[in-house]
N, C-alpha and C. Protein backbone atom coordinates (compact mmCIF):
# COMPACT_ATOMS: atom_id res chain seq x y z
N ARG A 1 0.54 -1.09 0.05
CA ARG A 1 -0.19 0.01 0.24
C ARG A 1 0.61 1.09 -0.57
N PRO A 2 1.39 1.45 -1.32
CA PRO A 2 2.51 2.79 -0.99
C PRO A 2 1.59 4.41 -0.56
N ASN A 3 0.22 4.37 -0.87
CA ASN A 3 -0.05 5.46 -0.25
C ASN A 3 -0.33 5.92 0.92
N VAL A 4 -0.53 4.68 1.87
CA VAL A 4 -0.72 4.42 3.05
C VAL A 4 0.68 4.97 3.20
N ARG A 5 1.67 3.70 2.90
CA ARG A 5 3.32 3.96 3.40
C ARG A 5 3.70 5.35 3.25
N SER A 6 2.85 6.37 2.19
CA SER A 6 3.97 7.25 1.89
C SER A 6 3.18 8.66 3.02
N ALA A 7 2.20 8.26 3.05
CA ALA A 7 1.78 9.32 4.19
C ALA A 7 2.18 8.97 5.72
N ILE A 8 2.14 7.26 6.00
CA ILE A 8 2.49 7.35 7.54
C ILE A 8 4.57 8.16 7.24
N TYR A 9 4.86 7.94 6.07
CA TYR A 9 6.55 8.26 6.34
C TYR A 9 6.36 9.79 6.00
N MET A 10 5.80 10.47 5.60
CA MET A 10 5.78 11.95 5.95
C MET A 10 5.36 12.25 7.18
N ALA A 11 4.69 11.68 7.53
CA ALA A 11 4.18 12.55 9.08
C ALA A 11 5.20 11.80 10.34
N ALA A 12 5.84 10.56 9.70
CA ALA A 12 7.14 10.59 11.20
C ALA A 12 8.34 11.16 11.05
N PHE A 13 7.95 11.64 9.34
CA PHE A 13 9.53 12.67 9.01
C PHE A 13 9.27 14.18 9.64
N SER A 14 8.14 14.38 9.36
CA SER A 14 7.60 15.73 10.41
C SER A 14 8.10 15.80 12.14
N ALA A 15 7.17 14.74 12.16
CA ALA A 15 7.77 14.29 13.74
C ALA A 15 9.09 14.17 13.95
N ARG A 16 9.88 13.65 13.43
CA ARG A 16 11.38 13.83 13.45
C ARG A 16 11.70 14.47 13.69
N ARG A 17 11.55 16.07 13.10
CA ARG A 17 12.44 16.95 12.85
C ARG A 17 11.64 17.89 13.68
N CYS A 18 9.99 17.65 14.13
CA CYS A 18 9.77 19.12 14.66
C CYS A 18 9.54 18.53 16.37
N ASN A 19 8.92 17.35 16.30
CA ASN A 19 8.58 16.75 17.63
C ASN A 19 9.58 15.99 18.76
N PRO A 20 9.73 17.21 19.85
CA PRO A 20 10.80 16.64 21.36
C PRO A 20 10.80 15.46 21.13
N ILE A 21 9.70 14.70 21.39
CA ILE A 21 9.77 13.38 21.72
C ILE A 21 10.34 12.41 20.39
N PHE A 22 9.74 12.57 19.19
CA PHE A 22 10.50 11.65 18.61
C PHE A 22 12.14 12.41 18.23
N LYS A 23 12.49 13.23 18.25
CA LYS A 23 13.28 13.69 18.04
C LYS A 23 14.41 13.05 18.82
N ALA A 24 14.45 13.12 20.37
CA ALA A 24 15.33 12.29 20.97
C ALA A 24 15.09 10.85 20.67
N PHE A 25 14.25 10.52 20.32
CA PHE A 25 13.86 8.94 19.78
C PHE A 25 15.17 8.84 18.71
N ALA A 26 14.53 9.62 17.53
CA ALA A 26 15.65 9.64 16.60
C ALA A 26 17.43 9.83 16.88
N LYS A 27 17.46 10.68 17.63
CA LYS A 27 18.37 10.53 18.53
C LYS A 27 19.68 9.66 18.75
N ARG A 28 18.73 8.56 19.90
CA ARG A 28 18.87 7.91 20.36
C ARG A 28 19.50 6.74 19.66
N LEU A 29 18.40 6.23 18.43
CA LEU A 29 18.70 5.34 17.34
C LEU A 29 20.46 5.53 16.48
N GLU A 30 20.28 7.12 16.29
CA GLU A 30 21.53 7.42 15.36
C GLU A 30 22.67 7.29 16.51
N ASP A 31 22.97 7.52 17.55
CA ASP A 31 24.03 7.35 18.92
C ASP A 31 23.87 5.99 19.03
N ALA A 32 23.22 5.36 18.94
CA ALA A 32 23.84 3.57 18.46
C ALA A 32 24.00 3.41 17.38
N GLY A 33 24.39 4.27 16.39
CA GLY A 33 25.19 3.73 14.98
C GLY A 33 23.95 3.18 13.82
N LYS A 34 22.81 3.24 13.99
CA LYS A 34 21.34 2.79 13.74
C LYS A 34 21.83 3.65 12.15
N PRO A 35 21.61 2.81 10.54
CA PRO A 35 21.24 3.91 9.59
C PRO A 35 19.89 4.16 9.62
N TYR A 36 19.83 5.15 8.66
CA TYR A 36 18.74 6.15 8.63
C TYR A 36 17.73 5.92 8.10
N LEU A 37 17.45 4.58 7.46
CA LEU A 37 16.04 4.12 7.34
C LEU A 37 15.59 3.49 8.39
N VAL A 38 16.40 2.81 8.92
CA VAL A 38 16.20 2.17 10.12
C VAL A 38 15.64 2.91 11.06
N ILE A 39 15.89 4.21 11.18
CA ILE A 39 15.64 4.95 11.83
C ILE A 39 14.36 5.66 11.52
N GLN A 40 14.34 5.61 10.40
CA GLN A 40 13.31 6.09 10.11
C GLN A 40 11.75 5.50 10.03
N VAL A 41 11.91 4.26 9.63
CA VAL A 41 10.81 3.12 10.08
C VAL A 41 10.30 2.97 11.31
N ALA A 42 11.54 3.14 12.16
CA ALA A 42 11.06 2.96 13.49
C ALA A 42 10.20 4.25 13.93
N CYS A 43 10.53 5.51 13.24
CA CYS A 43 9.82 6.17 14.00
C CYS A 43 8.42 6.04 13.45
N MET A 44 8.44 5.94 11.71
CA MET A 44 6.94 5.31 11.55
C MET A 44 6.33 4.41 12.89
N ARG A 45 6.81 3.82 12.64
CA ARG A 45 5.89 2.56 13.58
C ARG A 45 5.61 3.15 15.10
N LYS A 46 6.54 4.17 15.56
CA LYS A 46 6.17 4.30 16.92
C LYS A 46 5.05 5.16 16.67
N HIS A 47 4.90 6.46 15.69
CA HIS A 47 3.89 7.33 15.31
C HIS A 47 2.97 6.75 15.34
N HIS A 48 2.61 5.40 14.45
CA HIS A 48 1.59 4.62 14.28
C HIS A 48 1.19 4.05 15.32
N ILE A 49 1.85 3.53 16.49
CA ILE A 49 1.80 2.54 17.73
C ILE A 49 1.03 4.05 18.28
N THR A 50 1.27 5.02 18.70
CA THR A 50 1.27 6.31 19.53
C THR A 50 -0.29 6.95 19.46
N LEU A 51 -0.49 6.76 18.26
CA LEU A 51 -1.56 7.32 17.66
C LEU A 51 -2.98 6.33 17.84
N ASN A 52 -2.65 4.87 17.28
CA ASN A 52 -3.63 3.54 17.55
C ASN A 52 -3.76 4.08 19.18
N ALA A 53 -2.75 4.51 19.73
CA ALA A 53 -3.04 4.01 21.19
C ALA A 53 -4.26 5.26 22.25
N MET A 54 -3.28 6.51 20.82
CA MET A 54 -4.38 6.97 21.50
C MET A 54 -5.88 7.38 21.24
N LEU A 55 -6.09 6.64 20.28
CA LEU A 55 -7.70 6.82 19.38
C LEU A 55 -8.35 5.26 20.51
N LYS A 56 -7.66 4.78 20.86
CA LYS A 56 -8.33 3.55 21.55
C LYS A 56 -8.50 4.13 23.03
N THR A 57 -7.80 4.90 23.68
CA THR A 57 -8.15 5.32 25.04
C THR A 57 -8.67 6.69 25.28
N GLY A 58 -8.78 7.39 24.01
CA GLY A 58 -9.53 8.60 24.06
C GLY A 58 -8.20 9.92 24.36
N LEU A 59 -7.35 9.43 24.69
CA LEU A 59 -6.36 10.98 24.97
C LEU A 59 -6.12 11.86 24.11
N THR A 60 -5.76 13.14 24.58
CA THR A 60 -5.17 14.33 22.96
C THR A 60 -4.25 13.97 23.32
N TRP A 61 -3.77 14.55 22.41
CA TRP A 61 -1.76 14.43 22.17
C TRP A 61 -1.41 16.20 22.96
N ASN A 62 -0.79 15.38 23.96
CA ASN A 62 0.18 16.22 24.68
C ASN A 62 1.50 14.99 25.01
N ARG A 63 2.46 16.37 25.50
CA ARG A 63 3.69 15.51 25.76
C ARG A 63 3.38 14.26 27.21
N GLN A 64 2.56 14.55 28.26
CA GLN A 64 2.79 13.61 29.50
C GLN A 64 2.20 12.49 28.60
N ASN A 65 1.06 12.71 28.00
CA ASN A 65 0.00 11.51 27.35
C ASN A 65 1.15 10.59 26.57
N VAL A 66 1.89 11.31 25.59
CA VAL A 66 2.72 10.70 24.93
C VAL A 66 3.63 9.68 25.55
N GLN A 67 3.80 10.06 26.63
CA GLN A 67 5.70 9.54 27.02
C GLN A 67 4.92 8.32 27.98
N GLU A 68 3.28 8.75 28.56
CA GLU A 68 2.94 7.44 29.26
C GLU A 68 2.65 6.24 27.77
N ILE A 69 1.94 6.96 26.77
CA ILE A 69 1.83 5.87 25.82
C ILE A 69 2.66 4.98 24.86
N SER A 70 4.11 5.53 25.32
CA SER A 70 5.31 5.00 24.26
C SER A 70 5.83 3.99 25.45
């Protein structure tokens, strides 16, 4: 499903650049020596899981909720 993958990729790309939680997550993986694409896919997965958990629990987006979910 290339359309879905592209949407998730761009959302994770933006989150990785702008969101402090995702930025720290990506930095930790980068410091561990992971390649760029591995880091990007890990961010995509984290983003997807976080959003699914938010939908399931009915929480809104804020740092405290996201840190509890992750």
